[in-house]
PDB file of N, CA and C in Angstrom:
ATOM      1  N   MET A   1    -108.072-108.331  61.752  1.00  0.00           N
ATOM      2  CA  MET A   1    -107.820-108.302  60.317  1.00  0.00           C
ATOM      3  C   MET A   1    -109.139-108.539  59.583  1.00  0.00           C
ATOM      4  N   ALA A   2    -109.386-107.729  58.595  1.00  0.00           N
ATOM      5  CA  ALA A   2    -110.618-107.868  57.819  1.00  0.00           C
ATOM      6  C   ALA A   2    -110.556-109.133  56.967  1.00  0.00           C
ATOM      7  N   LYS A   3    -111.699-109.785  56.815  1.00  0.00           N
ATOM      8  CA  LYS A   3    -111.761-110.983  55.981  1.00  0.00           C
ATOM      9  C   LYS A   3    -111.811-110.580  54.521  1.00  0.00           C
ATOM     10  N   MET A   4    -111.119-111.350  53.688  1.00  0.00           N
ATOM     11  CA  MET A   4    -111.030-111.047  52.264  1.00  0.00           C
ATOM     12  C   MET A   4    -111.992-111.935  51.487  1.00  0.00           C
ATOM     13  N   ALA A   5    -112.608-111.347  50.491  1.00  0.00           N
ATOM     14  CA  ALA A   5    -113.462-112.117  49.590  1.00  0.00           C
ATOM     15  C   ALA A   5    -112.576-112.907  48.631  1.00  0.00           C
ATOM     16  N   ALA A   6    -113.020-114.089  48.283  1.00  0.00           N
ATOM     17  CA  ALA A   6    -112.282-114.912  47.325  1.00  0.00           C
ATOM     18  C   ALA A   6    -112.562-114.402  45.919  1.00  0.00           C
ATOM     19  N   VAL A   7    -111.501-114.126  45.185  1.00  0.00           N
ATOM     20  CA  VAL A   7    -111.615-113.616  43.822  1.00  0.00           C
ATOM     21  C   VAL A   7    -110.809-114.534  42.911  1.00  0.00           C
ATOM     22  N   ILE A   8    -111.445-115.075  41.878  1.00  0.00           N
ATOM     23  CA  ILE A   8    -110.750-115.952  40.949  1.00  0.00           C
ATOM     24  C   ILE A   8    -109.600-115.181  40.292  1.00  0.00           C
ATOM     25  N   GLY A   9    -108.431-115.802  40.293  1.00  0.00           N
ATOM     26  CA  GLY A   9    -107.244-115.197  39.707  1.00  0.00           C
ATOM     27  C   GLY A   9    -106.406-114.407  40.703  1.00  0.00           C
ATOM     28  N   GLN A  10    -106.940-114.186  41.899  1.00  0.00           N
ATOM     29  CA  GLN A  10    -106.219-113.438  42.929  1.00  0.00           C
ATOM     30  C   GLN A  10    -105.320-114.390  43.728  1.00  0.00           C
ATOM     31  N   TRP A  11    -104.116-113.925  44.050  1.00  0.00           N
ATOM     32  CA  TRP A  11    -103.178-114.674  44.881  1.00  0.00           C
ATOM     33  C   TRP A  11    -103.309-114.217  46.318  1.00  0.00           C
ATOM     34  N   TYR A  12    -103.182-115.173  47.254  1.00  0.00           N
ATOM     35  CA  TYR A  12    -103.283-114.902  48.678  1.00  0.00           C
ATOM     36  C   TYR A  12    -102.119-115.578  49.405  1.00  0.00           C
ATOM     37  N   HIS A  13    -101.766-115.003  50.544  1.00  0.00           N
ATOM     38  CA  HIS A  13    -100.754-115.585  51.423  1.00  0.00           C
ATOM     39  C   HIS A  13    -101.463-116.063  52.678  1.00  0.00           C
ATOM     40  N   ASP A  14    -101.425-117.384  52.919  1.00  0.00           N
ATOM     41  CA  ASP A  14    -101.997-117.953  54.137  1.00  0.00           C
ATOM     42  C   ASP A  14    -100.960-117.768  55.240  1.00  0.00           C
ATOM     43  N   VAL A  15    -101.247-116.867  56.176  1.00  0.00           N
ATOM     44  CA  VAL A  15    -100.292-116.504  57.218  1.00  0.00           C
ATOM     45  C   VAL A  15     -99.981-117.688  58.126  1.00  0.00           C
ATOM     46  N   ALA A  16    -100.973-118.472  58.479  1.00  0.00           N
ATOM     47  CA  ALA A  16    -100.772-119.594  59.394  1.00  0.00           C
ATOM     48  C   ALA A  16     -99.877-120.671  58.786  1.00  0.00           C
ATOM     49  N   LEU A  17    -100.072-120.988  57.510  1.00  0.00           N
ATOM     50  CA  LEU A  17     -99.302-122.048  56.854  1.00  0.00           C
ATOM     51  C   LEU A  17     -98.097-121.544  56.089  1.00  0.00           C
ATOM     52  N   GLU A  18     -97.976-120.212  55.969  1.00  0.00           N
ATOM     53  CA  GLU A  18     -96.874-119.614  55.197  1.00  0.00           C
ATOM     54  C   GLU A  18     -96.845-120.171  53.772  1.00  0.00           C
ATOM     55  N   ARG A  19     -98.020-120.169  53.119  1.00  0.00           N
ATOM     56  CA  ARG A  19     -98.128-120.681  51.746  1.00  0.00           C
ATOM     57  C   ARG A  19     -98.845-119.676  50.872  1.00  0.00           C
ATOM     58  N   LEU A  20     -98.435-119.628  49.614  1.00  0.00           N
ATOM     59  CA  LEU A  20     -99.112-118.805  48.621  1.00  0.00           C
ATOM     60  C   LEU A  20    -100.048-119.677  47.804  1.00  0.00           C
ATOM     61  N   PHE A  21    -101.204-119.125  47.458  1.00  0.00           N
ATOM     62  CA  PHE A  21    -102.125-119.855  46.594  1.00  0.00           C
ATOM     63  C   PHE A  21    -102.951-118.874  45.778  1.00  0.00           C
ATOM     64  N   GLU A  22    -103.527-119.403  44.707  1.00  0.00           N
ATOM     65  CA  GLU A  22    -104.393-118.636  43.821  1.00  0.00           C
ATOM     66  C   GLU A  22    -105.781-119.263  43.857  1.00  0.00           C
ATOM     67  N   VAL A  23    -106.811-118.437  43.882  1.00  0.00           N
ATOM     68  CA  VAL A  23    -108.175-118.945  43.754  1.00  0.00           C
ATOM     69  C   VAL A  23    -108.390-119.244  42.272  1.00  0.00           C
ATOM     70  N   VAL A  24    -108.758-120.492  41.967  1.00  0.00           N
ATOM     71  CA  VAL A  24    -108.896-120.888  40.565  1.00  0.00           C
ATOM     72  C   VAL A  24    -110.335-121.146  40.142  1.00  0.00           C
ATOM     73  N   ALA A  25    -111.237-121.387  41.119  1.00  0.00           N
ATOM     74  CA  ALA A  25    -112.623-121.658  40.731  1.00  0.00           C
ATOM     75  C   ALA A  25    -113.533-121.623  41.947  1.00  0.00           C
ATOM     76  N   PHE A  26    -114.817-121.464  41.656  1.00  0.00           N
ATOM     77  CA  PHE A  26    -115.867-121.597  42.652  1.00  0.00           C
ATOM     78  C   PHE A  26    -116.761-122.743  42.222  1.00  0.00           C
ATOM     79  N   ASP A  27    -117.170-123.548  43.148  1.00  0.00           N
ATOM     80  CA  ASP A  27    -118.157-124.586  42.865  1.00  0.00           C
ATOM     81  C   ASP A  27    -119.500-124.036  43.334  1.00  0.00           C
ATOM     82  N   ASP A  28    -120.313-123.609  42.388  1.00  0.00           N
ATOM     83  CA  ASP A  28    -121.599-122.985  42.719  1.00  0.00           C
ATOM     84  C   ASP A  28    -122.537-123.937  43.449  1.00  0.00           C
ATOM     85  N   TYR A  29    -122.430-125.215  43.157  1.00  0.00           N
ATOM     86  CA  TYR A  29    -123.324-126.191  43.776  1.00  0.00           C
ATOM     87  C   TYR A  29    -123.020-126.379  45.266  1.00  0.00           C
ATOM     88  N   SER A  30    -121.734-126.595  45.576  1.00  0.00           N
ATOM     89  CA  SER A  30    -121.360-126.861  46.971  1.00  0.00           C
ATOM     90  C   SER A  30    -120.892-125.616  47.721  1.00  0.00           C
ATOM     91  N   GLY A  31    -120.597-124.559  46.986  1.00  0.00           N
ATOM     92  CA  GLY A  31    -120.085-123.346  47.614  1.00  0.00           C
ATOM     93  C   GLY A  31    -118.600-123.410  47.911  1.00  0.00           C
ATOM     94  N   ALA A  32    -117.917-124.405  47.403  1.00  0.00           N
ATOM     95  CA  ALA A  32    -116.490-124.575  47.668  1.00  0.00           C
ATOM     96  C   ALA A  32    -115.672-123.553  46.876  1.00  0.00           C
ATOM     97  N   ILE A  33    -114.568-123.157  47.474  1.00  0.00           N
ATOM     98  CA  ILE A  33    -113.605-122.256  46.835  1.00  0.00           C
ATOM     99  C   ILE A  33    -112.389-123.115  46.513  1.00  0.00           C
ATOM    100  N   GLU A  34    -112.086-123.265  45.241  1.00  0.00           N
ATOM    101  CA  GLU A  34    -110.996-124.123  44.812  1.00  0.00           C
ATOM    102  C   GLU A  34    -109.742-123.284  44.620  1.00  0.00           C
ATOM    103  N   VAL A  35    -108.622-123.768  45.190  1.00  0.00           N
ATOM    104  CA  VAL A  35    -107.367-123.027  45.142  1.00  0.00           C
ATOM    105  C   VAL A  35    -106.255-123.921  44.612  1.00  0.00           C
ATOM    106  N   GLN A  36    -105.213-123.273  44.076  1.00  0.00           N
ATOM    107  CA  GLN A  36    -104.016-123.993  43.639  1.00  0.00           C
ATOM    108  C   GLN A  36    -102.823-123.329  44.296  1.00  0.00           C
ATOM    109  N   TYR A  37    -102.062-124.142  45.024  1.00  0.00           N
ATOM    110  CA  TYR A  37    -100.876-123.640  45.699  1.00  0.00           C
ATOM    111  C   TYR A  37     -99.756-123.415  44.704  1.00  0.00           C
ATOM    112  N   GLU A  38     -98.756-122.715  45.157  1.00  0.00           N
ATOM    113  CA  GLU A  38     -97.613-122.365  44.315  1.00  0.00           C
ATOM    114  C   GLU A  38     -96.916-123.594  43.742  1.00  0.00           C
ATOM    115  N   ASP A  39     -96.945-124.717  44.474  1.00  0.00           N
ATOM    116  CA  ASP A  39     -96.288-125.939  44.008  1.00  0.00           C
ATOM    117  C   ASP A  39     -97.161-126.765  43.070  1.00  0.00           C
ATOM    118  N   GLY A  40     -98.372-126.282  42.771  1.00  0.00           N
ATOM    119  CA  GLY A  40     -99.249-126.961  41.826  1.00  0.00           C
ATOM    120  C   GLY A  40    -100.326-127.811  42.462  1.00  0.00           C
ATOM    121  N   THR A  41    -100.262-128.072  43.750  1.00  0.00           N
ATOM    122  CA  THR A  41    -101.284-128.891  44.389  1.00  0.00           C
ATOM    123  C   THR A  41    -102.601-128.126  44.497  1.00  0.00           C
ATOM    124  N   LEU A  42    -103.684-128.861  44.408  1.00  0.00           N
ATOM    125  CA  LEU A  42    -105.021-128.283  44.461  1.00  0.00           C
ATOM    126  C   LEU A  42    -105.649-128.557  45.813  1.00  0.00           C
ATOM    127  N   ASP A  43    -106.517-127.653  46.238  1.00  0.00           N
ATOM    128  CA  ASP A  43    -107.226-127.805  47.496  1.00  0.00           C
ATOM    129  C   ASP A  43    -108.532-127.038  47.378  1.00  0.00           C
ATOM    130  N   GLU A  44    -109.399-127.208  48.329  1.00  0.00           N
ATOM    131  CA  GLU A  44    -110.636-126.433  48.340  1.00  0.00           C
ATOM    132  C   GLU A  44    -111.038-126.123  49.774  1.00  0.00           C
ATOM    133  N   PHE A  45    -111.750-125.040  49.920  1.00  0.00           N
ATOM    134  CA  PHE A  45    -112.255-124.607  51.212  1.00  0.00           C
ATOM    135  C   PHE A  45    -113.755-124.397  51.094  1.00  0.00           C
ATOM    136  N   ASP A  46    -114.481-124.756  52.145  1.00  0.00           N
ATOM    137  CA  ASP A  46    -115.888-124.367  52.190  1.00  0.00           C
ATOM    138  C   ASP A  46    -115.931-122.929  52.707  1.00  0.00           C
ATOM    139  N   SER A  47    -117.089-122.309  52.690  1.00  0.00           N
ATOM    140  CA  SER A  47    -117.178-120.899  53.065  1.00  0.00           C
ATOM    141  C   SER A  47    -116.759-120.669  54.515  1.00  0.00           C
ATOM    142  N   GLU A  48    -117.066-121.605  55.395  1.00  0.00           N
ATOM    143  CA  GLU A  48    -116.662-121.465  56.798  1.00  0.00           C
ATOM    144  C   GLU A  48    -115.147-121.586  56.945  1.00  0.00           C
ATOM    145  N   GLY A  49    -114.559-122.526  56.249  1.00  0.00           N
ATOM    146  CA  GLY A  49    -113.107-122.695  56.282  1.00  0.00           C
ATOM    147  C   GLY A  49    -112.388-121.482  55.730  1.00  0.00           C
ATOM    148  N   TRP A  50    -112.960-120.864  54.686  1.00  0.00           N
ATOM    149  CA  TRP A  50    -112.363-119.658  54.105  1.00  0.00           C
ATOM    150  C   TRP A  50    -112.376-118.517  55.124  1.00  0.00           C
ATOM    151  N   ARG A  51    -113.480-118.383  55.846  1.00  0.00           N
ATOM    152  CA  ARG A  51    -113.590-117.311  56.850  1.00  0.00           C
ATOM    153  C   ARG A  51    -112.582-117.497  57.985  1.00  0.00           C
ATOM    154  N   ASP A  52    -112.194-118.724  58.267  1.00  0.00           N
ATOM    155  CA  ASP A  52    -111.246-118.997  59.349  1.00  0.00           C
ATOM    156  C   ASP A  52    -109.793-118.709  58.962  1.00  0.00           C
ATOM    157  N   LEU A  53    -109.505-118.586  57.669  1.00  0.00           N
ATOM    158  CA  LEU A  53    -108.130-118.346  57.219  1.00  0.00           C
ATOM    159  C   LEU A  53    -107.689-116.933  57.574  1.00  0.00           C
ATOM    160  N   VAL A  54    -106.414-116.795  57.886  1.00  0.00           N
ATOM    161  CA  VAL A  54    -105.806-115.475  58.055  1.00  0.00           C
ATOM    162  C   VAL A  54    -105.018-115.223  56.779  1.00  0.00           C
ATOM    163  N   LEU A  55    -105.536-114.310  55.950  1.00  0.00           N
ATOM    164  CA  LEU A  55    -104.995-114.107  54.610  1.00  0.00           C
ATOM    165  C   LEU A  55    -104.482-112.692  54.414  1.00  0.00           C
ATOM    166  N   LEU A  56    -103.475-112.594  53.571  1.00  0.00           N
ATOM    167  CA  LEU A  56    -103.005-111.320  53.056  1.00  0.00           C
ATOM    168  C   LEU A  56    -103.056-111.402  51.543  1.00  0.00           C
ATOM    169  N   SER A  57    -103.344-110.294  50.907  1.00  0.00           N
ATOM    170  CA  SER A  57    -103.291-110.253  49.449  1.00  0.00           C
ATOM    171  C   SER A  57    -101.828-110.386  49.032  1.00  0.00           C
ATOM    172  N   ALA A  58    -101.564-111.125  47.978  1.00  0.00           N
ATOM    173  CA  ALA A  58    -100.185-111.367  47.549  1.00  0.00           C
ATOM    174  C   ALA A  58    -100.057-111.141  46.052  1.00  0.00           C
ATOM    175  N   ALA A  59     -98.862-110.802  45.647  1.00  0.00           N
ATOM    176  CA  ALA A  59     -98.561-110.676  44.221  1.00  0.00           C
ATOM    177  C   ALA A  59     -98.273-112.070  43.658  1.00  0.00           C
ATOM    178  N   GLN A  60     -98.568-112.236  42.389  1.00  0.00           N
ATOM    179  CA  GLN A  60     -98.286-113.514  41.731  1.00  0.00           C
ATOM    180  C   GLN A  60     -96.780-113.751  41.745  1.00  0.00           C
ATOM    181  N   PRO A  61     -96.331-114.920  42.216  1.00  0.00           N
ATOM    182  CA  PRO A  61     -94.890-115.202  42.228  1.00  0.00           C
ATOM    183  C   PRO A  61     -94.333-115.242  40.807  1.00  0.00           C
ATOM    184  N   ASP A  62     -93.086-114.834  40.656  1.00  0.00           N
ATOM    185  CA  ASP A  62     -92.452-114.822  39.334  1.00  0.00           C
ATOM    186  C   ASP A  62     -92.297-116.212  38.755  1.00  0.00           C
ATOM    187  N   ASP A  63     -91.992-117.185  39.583  1.00  0.00           N
ATOM    188  CA  ASP A  63     -91.695-118.535  39.105  1.00  0.00           C
ATOM    189  C   ASP A  63     -92.757-119.555  39.486  1.00  0.00           C
ATOM    190  N   TRP A  64     -93.993-119.138  39.604  1.00  0.00           N
ATOM    191  CA  TRP A  64     -95.037-120.051  40.085  1.00  0.00           C
ATOM    192  C   TRP A  64     -95.326-121.189  39.122  1.00  0.00           C
ATOM    193  N   ARG A  65     -95.033-121.041  37.850  1.00  0.00           N
ATOM    194  CA  ARG A  65     -95.265-122.126  36.887  1.00  0.00           C
ATOM    195  C   ARG A  65     -94.105-123.115  36.831  1.00  0.00           C
ATOM    196  N   ALA A  66     -93.029-122.847  37.559  1.00  0.00           N
ATOM    197  CA  ALA A  66     -91.858-123.724  37.516  1.00  0.00           C
ATOM    198  C   ALA A  66     -92.195-125.142  37.951  1.00  0.00           C
ATOM    199  N   SER A  67     -93.058-125.289  38.955  1.00  0.00           N
ATOM    200  CA  SER A  67     -93.405-126.639  39.424  1.00  0.00           C
ATOM    201  C   SER A  67     -94.266-127.390  38.422  1.00  0.00           C
ATOM    202  N   LEU A  68     -94.874-126.674  37.495  1.00  0.00           N
ATOM    203  CA  LEU A  68     -95.733-127.304  36.498  1.00  0.00           C
ATOM    204  C   LEU A  68     -94.999-127.591  35.194  1.00  0.00           C
ATOM    205  N   ALA A  69     -93.763-127.143  35.081  1.00  0.00           N
ATOM    206  CA  ALA A  69     -93.005-127.291  33.849  1.00  0.00           C
ATOM    207  C   ALA A  69     -92.539-128.737  33.668  1.00  0.00           C
ATOM    208  N   LEU A  70     -92.350-129.121  32.423  1.00  0.00           N
ATOM    209  CA  LEU A  70     -91.838-130.453  32.119  1.00  0.00           C
ATOM    210  C   LEU A  70     -90.344-130.511  32.416  1.00  0.00           C
ATOM    211  N   SER A  71     -89.888-131.664  32.865  1.00  0.00           N
ATOM    212  CA  SER A  71     -88.454-131.858  33.048  1.00  0.00           C
ATOM    213  C   SER A  71     -87.811-131.919  31.664  1.00  0.00           C
ATOM    214  N   ASP A  72     -86.481-131.821  31.624  1.00  0.00           N
ATOM    215  CA  ASP A  72     -85.786-131.884  30.336  1.00  0.00           C
ATOM    216  C   ASP A  72     -86.052-133.208  29.626  1.00  0.00           C
ATOM    217  N   GLU A  73     -86.085-134.302  30.391  1.00  0.00           N
ATOM    218  CA  GLU A  73     -86.345-135.612  29.797  1.00  0.00           C
ATOM    219  C   GLU A  73     -87.772-135.683  29.238  1.00  0.00           C
ATOM    220  N   ASP A  74     -88.760-135.197  30.014  1.00  0.00           N
ATOM    221  CA  ASP A  74     -90.138-135.216  29.540  1.00  0.00           C
ATOM    222  C   ASP A  74     -90.318-134.305  28.337  1.00  0.00           C
ATOM    223  N   ARG A  75     -89.669-133.167  28.353  1.00  0.00           N
ATOM    224  CA  ARG A  75     -89.770-132.237  27.232  1.00  0.00           C
ATOM    225  C   ARG A  75     -89.179-132.855  25.974  1.00  0.00           C
ATOM    226  N   PHE A  76     -88.079-133.623  26.125  1.00  0.00           N
ATOM    227  CA  PHE A  76     -87.429-134.276  24.990  1.00  0.00           C
ATOM    228  C   PHE A  76     -88.350-135.292  24.336  1.00  0.00           C
ATOM    229  N   LEU A  77     -89.142-136.003  25.152  1.00  0.00           N
ATOM    230  CA  LEU A  77     -90.008-137.060  24.638  1.00  0.00           C
ATOM    231  C   LEU A  77     -91.450-136.620  24.407  1.00  0.00           C
ATOM    232  N   ALA A  78     -91.797-135.393  24.756  1.00  0.00           N
ATOM    233  CA  ALA A  78     -93.192-134.963  24.748  1.00  0.00           C
ATOM    234  C   ALA A  78     -93.845-135.043  23.374  1.00  0.00           C
ATOM    235  N   ASP A  79     -93.136-134.719  22.328  1.00  0.00           N
ATOM    236  CA  ASP A  79     -93.737-134.672  20.998  1.00  0.00           C
ATOM    237  C   ASP A  79     -93.368-135.856  20.126  1.00  0.00           C
ATOM    238  N   ASP A  80     -92.648-136.810  20.692  1.00  0.00           N
ATOM    239  CA  ASP A  80     -92.245-137.963  19.901  1.00  0.00           C
ATOM    240  C   ASP A  80     -93.427-138.895  19.667  1.00  0.00           C
ATOM    241  N   VAL A  81     -93.478-139.448  18.486  1.00  0.00           N
ATOM    242  CA  VAL A  81     -94.468-140.469  18.174  1.00  0.00           C
ATOM    243  C   VAL A  81     -93.769-141.804  18.335  1.00  0.00           C
ATOM    244  N   LEU A  82     -94.267-142.614  19.243  1.00  0.00           N
ATOM    245  CA  LEU A  82     -93.649-143.904  19.487  1.00  0.00           C
ATOM    246  C   LEU A  82     -94.373-144.965  18.669  1.00  0.00           C
ATOM    247  N   VAL A  83     -93.620-145.638  17.815  1.00  0.00           N
ATOM    248  CA  VAL A  83     -94.173-146.678  16.953  1.00  0.00           C
ATOM    249  C   VAL A  83     -93.468-147.976  17.305  1.00  0.00           C
ATOM    250  N   PRO A  84     -94.228-148.981  17.683  1.00  0.00           N
ATOM    251  CA  PRO A  84     -93.568-150.250  18.004  1.00  0.00           C
ATOM    252  C   PRO A  84     -92.934-150.852  16.760  1.00  0.00           C
ATOM    253  N   SER A  85     -91.788-151.454  16.951  1.00  0.00           N
ATOM    254  CA  SER A  85     -91.126-152.066  15.800  1.00  0.00           C
ATOM    255  C   SER A  85     -91.719-153.446  15.572  1.00  0.00           C
ATOM    256  N   LEU A  86     -92.217-153.661  14.392  1.00  0.00           N
ATOM    257  CA  LEU A  86     -92.808-154.949  14.028  1.00  0.00           C
ATOM    258  C   LEU A  86     -91.855-155.639  13.073  1.00  0.00           C
ATOM    259  N   HIS A  87     -91.584-156.874  13.363  1.00  0.00           N
ATOM    260  CA  HIS A  87     -90.732-157.647  12.476  1.00  0.00           C
ATOM    261  C   HIS A  87     -91.635-158.413  11.534  1.00  0.00           C
ATOM    262  N   GLY A  88     -91.795-157.897  10.360  1.00  0.00           N
ATOM    263  CA  GLY A  88     -92.663-158.544   9.397  1.00  0.00           C
ATOM    264  C   GLY A  88     -94.058-157.945   9.429  1.00  0.00           C
ATOM    265  N   ASP A  89     -94.976-158.627   8.824  1.00  0.00           N
ATOM    266  CA  ASP A  89     -96.352-158.186   8.711  1.00  0.00           C
ATOM    267  C   ASP A  89     -97.117-158.507   9.987  1.00  0.00           C
ATOM    268  N   LEU A  90     -97.982-157.597  10.413  1.00  0.00           N
ATOM    269  CA  LEU A  90     -98.757-157.796  11.631  1.00  0.00           C
ATOM    270  C   LEU A  90     -99.667-159.015  11.509  1.00  0.00           C
ATOM    271  N   LEU A  91    -100.267-159.210  10.349  1.00  0.00           N
ATOM    272  CA  LEU A  91    -101.176-160.346  10.162  1.00  0.00           C
ATOM    273  C   LEU A  91    -100.440-161.668  10.196  1.00  0.00           C
ATOM    274  N   SER A  92     -99.186-161.681   9.798  1.00  0.00           N
ATOM    275  CA  SER A  92     -98.441-162.935   9.835  1.00  0.00           C
ATOM    276  C   SER A  92     -98.086-163.326  11.269  1.00  0.00           C
ATOM    277  N   ALA A  93     -98.166-162.363  12.182  1.00  0.00           N
ATOM    278  CA  ALA A  93     -97.869-162.659  13.587  1.00  0.00           C
ATOM    279  C   ALA A  93     -99.034-163.378  14.254  1.00  0.00           C
ATOM    280  N   LEU A  94    -100.224-163.301  13.675  1.00  0.00           N
ATOM    281  CA  LEU A  94    -101.381-163.984  14.246  1.00  0.00           C
ATOM    282  C   LEU A  94    -101.301-165.461  13.912  1.00  0.00           C
ATOM    283  N   GLU A  95    -101.575-166.283  14.891  1.00  0.00           N
ATOM    284  CA  GLU A  95    -101.535-167.721  14.667  1.00  0.00           C
ATOM    285  C   GLU A  95    -102.944-168.259  14.563  1.00  0.00           C
ATOM    286  N   MET A  96    -103.174-169.085  13.563  1.00  0.00           N
ATOM    287  CA  MET A  96    -104.472-169.740  13.419  1.00  0.00           C
ATOM    288  C   MET A  96    -104.293-171.202  13.808  1.00  0.00           C
ATOM    289  N   SER A  97    -105.367-171.777  14.261  1.00  0.00           N
ATOM    290  CA  SER A  97    -105.285-173.198  14.620  1.00  0.00           C
ATOM    291  C   SER A  97    -105.080-174.027  13.352  1.00  0.00           C
ATOM    292  N   ASP A  98    -104.528-175.216  13.531  1.00  0.00           N
ATOM    293  CA  ASP A  98    -104.241-176.073  12.382  1.00  0.00           C
ATOM    294  C   ASP A  98    -105.496-176.475  11.628  1.00  0.00           C
ATOM    295  N   SER A  99    -106.604-176.606  12.367  1.00  0.00           N
ATOM    296  CA  SER A  99    -107.820-177.040  11.709  1.00  0.00           C
ATOM    297  C   SER A  99    -108.482-175.919  10.920  1.00  0.00           C
ATOM    298  N   GLY A 100    -108.055-174.658  11.142  1.00  0.00           N
ATOM    299  CA  GLY A 100    -108.598-173.563  10.358  1.00  0.00           C
ATOM    300  C   GLY A 100    -109.886-172.982  10.890  1.00  0.00           C
ATOM    301  N   ASP A 101    -110.468-173.610  11.929  1.00  0.00           N
ATOM    302  CA  ASP A 101    -111.696-173.037  12.457  1.00  0.00           C
ATOM    303  C   ASP A 101    -111.371-172.147  13.663  1.00  0.00           C
ATOM    304  N   TRP A 102    -112.255-171.216  13.918  1.00  0.00           N
ATOM    305  CA  TRP A 102    -112.032-170.238  14.993  1.00  0.00           C
ATOM    306  C   TRP A 102    -112.691-170.735  16.270  1.00  0.00           C
ATOM    307  N   ASP A 103    -112.105-170.354  17.384  1.00  0.00           N
ATOM    308  CA  ASP A 103    -112.702-170.690  18.669  1.00  0.00           C
ATOM    309  C   ASP A 103    -113.962-169.866  18.870  1.00  0.00           C
ATOM    310  N   ASP A 104    -114.937-170.456  19.534  1.00  0.00           N
ATOM    311  CA  ASP A 104    -116.139-169.712  19.874  1.00  0.00           C
ATOM    312  C   ASP A 104    -115.862-168.779  21.037  1.00  0.00           C
ATOM    313  N   PHE A 105    -116.391-167.594  20.980  1.00  0.00           N
ATOM    314  CA  PHE A 105    -116.167-166.632  22.052  1.00  0.00           C
ATOM    315  C   PHE A 105    -117.196-166.780  23.100  1.00  0.00           C
TER     316      PHE A 105
END
């Protein structure tokens, strides 16, 4: 089987692991090929590790973003602004010593 070049945005099928992944980046400094699996996990391969893979070109899965989606509960709370309930004025909640002087820090 011919070895495939890593192309950003291209999906591949790792025959040995039976997993789909997309190449998402190259690290020019280290030469690493960064990939994201269909379930959202990230991994990287060095050039030697990439050459050892048995790969097939694959089409982008229809539901590949499903693992990255917010749950219904998270989606419900995602845009909410949470404000703590204060009973009274915030400054009145601070206690000063009876003598009126502040502690040295």
